[in-house]
């Protein structure tokens, strides 16, 4: 498995293809599920290998990359991505490090810092992470289902998801307490980095070309957040996909749209 030290963090990554490099940054907050069930990147196979170098990686506190015990910010996650590119010498091989930016199903602020989140953060600081972990261990071992992403599933796919959930819970309960704490702390670190971060006043500095792709049926990051990004980033293009929910690369229409957007940047 390829690993590289980027921004002082041991990052797991995968590279495929030849041509212009495309860095894929996944969403989510990581934690035990992403580590116990590492999945191939949804970007795999989307772009033609003769035209693009597809780079995918696990963010810190996710999958096979390093989990860090310290508090982190969005800036740290961004520095990890830049460090990965620099370590791979992409920035040196290509004078213009970023040819275009594609923002899929995201926004300038993903979710607000609610009173509940503030209370959790305060408790972590005052009571201590280990005690809060022990008080909530039972619920951690019985996680609720997250909102589904991607297309509606068949009965067979629903059964497979249920089996996956059962296996995940079994693996979770088999973890030594220190490992469960390690993964949980990593997830909380990433969650808090996103909590309440609003960069609406800063995104206007992003220069085109910028392509914003969003599904109108997204219930996790609503479509209006993509529209807001488009309105704030002068010269950006908004690609609206009617009826598509979150997890756009799980839809063939979403994969086709990304190919169409990136095709003009391909190296012949």
Protein backbone atom coordinates (compact mmCIF):
# COMPACT_ATOMS: atom_id res chain seq x y z
CA UNK A 1 0.00 0.00 0.00
CA UNK A 2 1.49 3.39 -0.95
CA UNK A 3 1.98 5.87 1.86
CA UNK A 4 3.65 9.26 1.84
CA UNK A 5 4.46 11.79 4.55
CA UNK A 6 2.53 14.96 3.71
CA UNK A 7 2.41 17.93 6.07
CA UNK A 8 3.85 15.67 8.74
CA UNK A 9 0.99 13.16 8.37
CA UNK A 10 1.32 9.62 7.05
CA UNK A 11 -1.15 9.61 4.14
CA UNK A 12 -2.42 6.59 2.21
CA UNK A 13 -2.98 7.30 -1.48
CA UNK A 14 -3.61 5.64 -4.84
CA UNK A 15 -2.62 6.78 -8.34
CA UNK A 16 -3.90 5.54 -11.69
CA UNK A 17 -3.57 6.67 -15.29
CA UNK A 18 -1.42 9.05 -17.30
CA UNK A 19 -1.91 12.68 -18.28
CA UNK A 20 -3.16 15.71 -16.35
CA UNK A 21 -3.37 15.08 -12.58
CA UNK A 22 -6.77 15.17 -10.86
CA UNK A 23 -6.81 15.10 -7.04
CA UNK A 24 -9.99 13.66 -5.51
CA UNK A 25 -10.77 14.79 -1.94
CA UNK A 26 -13.47 12.69 -0.29
CA UNK A 27 -16.09 13.87 2.19
CA UNK A 28 -17.27 12.45 5.50
CA UNK A 29 -15.58 12.51 8.88
CA UNK A 30 -13.70 9.22 8.89
CA UNK A 31 -13.61 7.17 12.07
CA UNK A 32 -13.92 3.47 12.67
CA UNK A 33 -16.21 2.57 9.76
CA UNK A 34 -13.84 4.05 7.16
CA UNK A 35 -10.96 2.13 8.74
CA UNK A 36 -12.65 -1.20 9.42
CA UNK A 37 -14.22 -1.23 5.96
CA UNK A 38 -11.77 0.59 3.64
CA UNK A 39 -13.46 0.99 0.26
CA UNK A 40 -11.99 1.76 -3.15
CA UNK A 41 -12.42 5.39 -4.13
CA UNK A 42 -15.61 6.19 -6.03
CA UNK A 43 -13.46 8.11 -8.54
CA UNK A 44 -11.78 4.88 -9.67
CA UNK A 45 -12.51 4.20 -13.33
CA UNK A 46 -14.48 7.41 -13.90
CA UNK A 47 -11.85 9.29 -15.93
CA UNK A 48 -10.04 7.87 -18.98
CA UNK A 49 -6.64 6.59 -17.84
CA UNK A 50 -4.91 7.73 -21.03
CA UNK A 51 -5.86 11.38 -20.36
CA UNK A 52 -5.78 11.84 -16.58
CA UNK A 53 -3.73 10.83 -13.55
CA UNK A 54 -6.34 10.16 -10.89
CA UNK A 55 -5.03 10.68 -7.35
CA UNK A 56 -7.21 9.60 -4.45
CA UNK A 57 -6.26 9.47 -0.78
CA UNK A 58 -7.63 8.98 2.71
CA UNK A 59 -7.79 12.23 4.67
CA UNK A 60 -6.21 12.20 8.12
CA UNK A 61 -8.41 10.44 10.70
CA UNK A 62 -9.94 8.42 7.85
CA UNK A 63 -9.36 5.03 6.30
CA UNK A 64 -5.74 3.93 6.15
CA UNK A 65 -4.18 7.33 6.82
CA UNK A 66 -2.78 8.45 10.16
CA UNK A 67 -5.06 9.36 13.06
CA UNK A 68 -3.86 12.36 15.04
CA UNK A 69 -4.77 13.09 18.70
CA UNK A 70 -4.58 16.89 18.47
CA UNK A 71 -7.39 19.26 17.51
CA UNK A 72 -7.42 20.14 13.83
CA UNK A 73 -8.85 22.84 11.56
CA UNK A 74 -10.01 22.88 7.97
CA UNK A 75 -6.73 24.60 7.21
CA UNK A 76 -4.88 21.50 8.43
CA UNK A 77 -6.85 19.26 6.08
CA UNK A 78 -6.13 21.65 3.20
CA UNK A 79 -2.43 21.67 4.08
CA UNK A 80 -2.45 17.86 4.04
CA UNK A 81 -3.80 17.88 0.47
CA UNK A 82 -1.21 20.42 -0.66
CA UNK A 83 1.53 18.47 1.10
CA UNK A 84 0.45 15.32 -0.72
CA UNK A 85 0.68 17.06 -4.10
CA UNK A 86 4.06 18.54 -3.27
CA UNK A 87 5.38 15.23 -2.02
CA UNK A 88 4.26 13.61 -5.26
CA UNK A 89 6.03 16.45 -7.14
CA UNK A 90 2.89 17.34 -9.07
CA UNK A 91 3.37 21.04 -8.34
CA UNK A 92 6.95 20.85 -9.64
CA UNK A 93 6.06 18.96 -12.80
CA UNK A 94 3.17 21.28 -13.63
CA UNK A 95 3.90 25.03 -13.20
CA UNK A 96 0.23 25.84 -12.71
CA UNK A 97 -0.64 23.56 -9.81
CA UNK A 98 -4.41 24.01 -10.20
CA UNK A 99 -5.80 24.14 -13.73
CA UNK A 100 -9.44 23.98 -12.64
CA UNK A 101 -11.45 23.37 -9.49
CA UNK A 102 -14.49 21.10 -9.34
CA UNK A 103 -16.68 21.44 -6.25
CA UNK A 104 -19.15 18.56 -6.00
CA UNK A 105 -22.05 18.53 -3.54
CA UNK A 106 -20.41 20.92 -1.09
CA UNK A 107 -20.83 24.43 0.27
CA UNK A 108 -19.17 27.33 2.05
CA UNK A 109 -20.55 26.02 5.36
CA UNK A 110 -21.60 22.39 5.67
CA UNK A 111 -23.35 22.62 9.02
CA UNK A 112 -23.80 25.11 11.82
CA UNK A 113 -22.19 24.98 15.23
CA UNK A 114 -25.36 24.17 17.14
CA UNK A 115 -25.87 24.38 20.90
CA UNK A 116 -25.51 20.59 21.03
CA UNK A 117 -22.15 20.73 19.26
CA UNK A 118 -20.99 23.55 21.56
CA UNK A 119 -22.00 21.47 24.59
CA UNK A 120 -20.09 18.44 23.30
CA UNK A 121 -17.01 20.54 22.64
CA UNK A 122 -17.18 22.10 26.10
CA UNK A 123 -17.61 18.69 27.74
CA UNK A 124 -14.61 17.32 25.86
CA UNK A 125 -12.49 20.20 27.13
CA UNK A 126 -13.76 20.25 30.73
CA UNK A 127 -14.60 16.64 31.55
CA UNK A 128 -11.99 15.08 29.29
CA UNK A 129 -12.12 12.96 26.15
CA UNK A 130 -11.56 9.62 27.82
CA UNK A 131 -14.37 10.08 30.37
CA UNK A 132 -16.81 11.33 27.73
CA UNK A 133 -15.87 8.33 25.60
CA UNK A 134 -16.59 5.89 28.43
CA UNK A 135 -19.91 7.57 29.23
CA UNK A 136 -20.98 7.20 25.61
CA UNK A 137 -19.38 3.85 24.82
CA UNK A 138 -22.70 1.99 24.60
CA UNK A 139 -24.09 4.36 21.96
CA UNK A 140 -20.77 4.29 20.09
CA UNK A 141 -21.09 0.52 19.80
CA UNK A 142 -24.64 0.88 18.45
CA UNK A 143 -24.34 3.60 15.79
CA UNK A 144 -27.46 4.76 13.99
CA UNK A 145 -27.64 4.47 10.23
CA UNK A 146 -26.45 7.54 8.39
CA UNK A 147 -28.60 9.09 5.69
CA UNK A 148 -28.33 6.97 2.53
CA UNK A 149 -26.34 8.30 -0.40
CA UNK A 150 -26.60 7.50 -4.06
CA UNK A 151 -29.49 6.03 -6.04
CA UNK A 152 -32.43 4.17 -4.55
CA UNK A 153 -31.44 0.58 -3.87
CA UNK A 154 -33.00 -2.71 -4.89
CA UNK A 155 -34.11 -5.25 -2.32
CA UNK A 156 -30.87 -7.15 -2.94
CA UNK A 157 -28.76 -4.05 -2.40
CA UNK A 158 -30.73 -3.18 0.75
CA UNK A 159 -30.00 -6.66 2.12
CA UNK A 160 -26.30 -6.20 1.32
CA UNK A 161 -26.29 -2.86 3.16
CA UNK A 162 -27.95 -4.49 6.17
CA UNK A 163 -25.35 -7.26 6.16
CA UNK A 164 -22.57 -4.66 5.92
CA UNK A 165 -24.06 -2.79 8.89
CA UNK A 166 -24.25 -5.96 10.97
CA UNK A 167 -20.65 -6.90 10.14
CA UNK A 168 -19.48 -3.38 10.96
CA UNK A 169 -21.17 -3.50 14.36
CA UNK A 170 -19.59 -6.90 15.04
CA UNK A 171 -16.10 -5.62 14.16
CA UNK A 172 -16.71 -2.47 16.19
CA UNK A 173 -17.62 -4.46 19.29
CA UNK A 174 -14.56 -6.67 18.85
CA UNK A 175 -12.19 -3.69 18.99
CA UNK A 176 -10.05 -3.21 22.11
CA UNK A 177 -11.21 -0.14 24.03
CA UNK A 178 -8.07 1.85 23.20
CA UNK A 179 -8.58 1.31 19.45
CA UNK A 180 -12.25 2.29 19.64
CA UNK A 181 -11.25 5.45 21.52
CA UNK A 182 -8.51 6.16 18.94
CA UNK A 183 -10.94 5.96 15.99
CA UNK A 184 -13.71 7.83 17.79
CA UNK A 185 -11.41 10.68 18.77
CA UNK A 186 -10.24 10.98 15.15
CA UNK A 187 -13.83 11.22 13.90
CA UNK A 188 -14.68 13.86 16.51
CA UNK A 189 -11.57 15.86 15.60
CA UNK A 190 -12.63 16.02 11.95
CA UNK A 191 -16.28 16.71 12.81
CA UNK A 192 -15.28 19.66 15.00
CA UNK A 193 -13.02 21.02 12.24
CA UNK A 194 -16.09 21.39 10.00
CA UNK A 195 -18.51 22.47 12.72
CA UNK A 196 -19.61 26.05 12.20
CA UNK A 197 -16.83 26.89 9.73
CA UNK A 198 -18.26 29.44 7.31
CA UNK A 199 -15.97 30.58 4.49
CA UNK A 200 -18.68 32.44 2.59
CA UNK A 201 -16.78 35.71 2.86
CA UNK A 202 -13.61 34.14 1.46
CA UNK A 203 -14.69 32.03 -1.52
CA UNK A 204 -14.91 35.09 -3.79
CA UNK A 205 -11.11 34.96 -3.94
CA UNK A 206 -11.24 31.66 -5.83
CA UNK A 207 -10.43 32.33 -9.47
CA UNK A 208 -12.04 30.49 -12.38
CA UNK A 209 -12.29 28.04 -13.92
CA UNK A 210 -14.52 26.68 -11.15
CA UNK A 211 -17.20 24.07 -11.80
CA UNK A 212 -19.87 23.44 -9.16
CA UNK A 213 -21.82 20.18 -9.53
CA UNK A 214 -24.84 19.54 -7.32
CA UNK A 215 -27.95 17.36 -7.31
CA UNK A 216 -31.31 18.95 -6.62
CA UNK A 217 -32.44 16.06 -4.39
CA UNK A 218 -29.41 16.19 -2.07
CA UNK A 219 -30.67 16.00 1.54
CA UNK A 220 -27.20 15.92 3.17
CA UNK A 221 -25.72 19.03 1.55
CA UNK A 222 -28.78 20.76 0.04
CA UNK A 223 -28.65 22.09 -3.51
CA UNK A 224 -29.00 25.71 -2.33
CA UNK A 225 -25.50 25.48 -0.83
CA UNK A 226 -24.10 24.76 -4.28
CA UNK A 227 -26.13 27.60 -5.76
CA UNK A 228 -24.80 29.92 -3.05
CA UNK A 229 -21.22 28.96 -3.94
CA UNK A 230 -21.93 29.72 -7.58
CA UNK A 231 -23.32 33.16 -6.70
CA UNK A 232 -20.29 33.98 -4.56
CA UNK A 233 -17.57 32.76 -6.96
CA UNK A 234 -17.52 35.08 -9.96
CA UNK A 235 -17.17 33.27 -13.27
CA UNK A 236 -18.03 29.85 -11.85
CA UNK A 237 -20.21 27.39 -13.73
CA UNK A 238 -23.10 25.70 -11.93
CA UNK A 239 -23.98 22.21 -13.17
CA UNK A 240 -27.36 21.24 -11.72
CA UNK A 241 -28.37 17.58 -11.84
CA UNK A 242 -32.16 17.30 -11.40
CA UNK A 243 -33.40 14.53 -9.13
CA UNK A 244 -29.97 13.35 -7.99
CA UNK A 245 -29.15 13.00 -4.31
CA UNK A 246 -25.89 12.97 -2.36
CA UNK A 247 -23.08 10.72 -3.53
CA UNK A 248 -23.08 11.98 -7.13
CA UNK A 249 -20.33 9.63 -8.30
CA UNK A 250 -22.57 6.70 -7.38
CA UNK A 251 -24.93 7.86 -10.15
CA UNK A 252 -23.99 7.30 -13.78
CA UNK A 253 -25.35 10.78 -14.56
CA UNK A 254 -22.98 12.25 -11.97
CA UNK A 255 -20.01 10.37 -13.37
CA UNK A 256 -20.91 11.47 -16.90
CA UNK A 257 -21.15 15.10 -15.77
CA UNK A 258 -17.71 14.99 -14.17
CA UNK A 259 -16.22 13.47 -17.33
CA UNK A 260 -17.85 16.18 -19.41
CA UNK A 261 -16.54 18.94 -17.14
CA UNK A 262 -12.96 17.61 -17.11
CA UNK A 263 -12.74 16.57 -20.76
CA UNK A 264 -11.51 20.02 -21.98
CA UNK A 265 -8.59 19.76 -19.56
CA UNK A 266 -7.43 16.34 -20.73
CA UNK A 267 -3.93 15.92 -22.13
CA UNK A 268 -4.03 14.35 -25.57
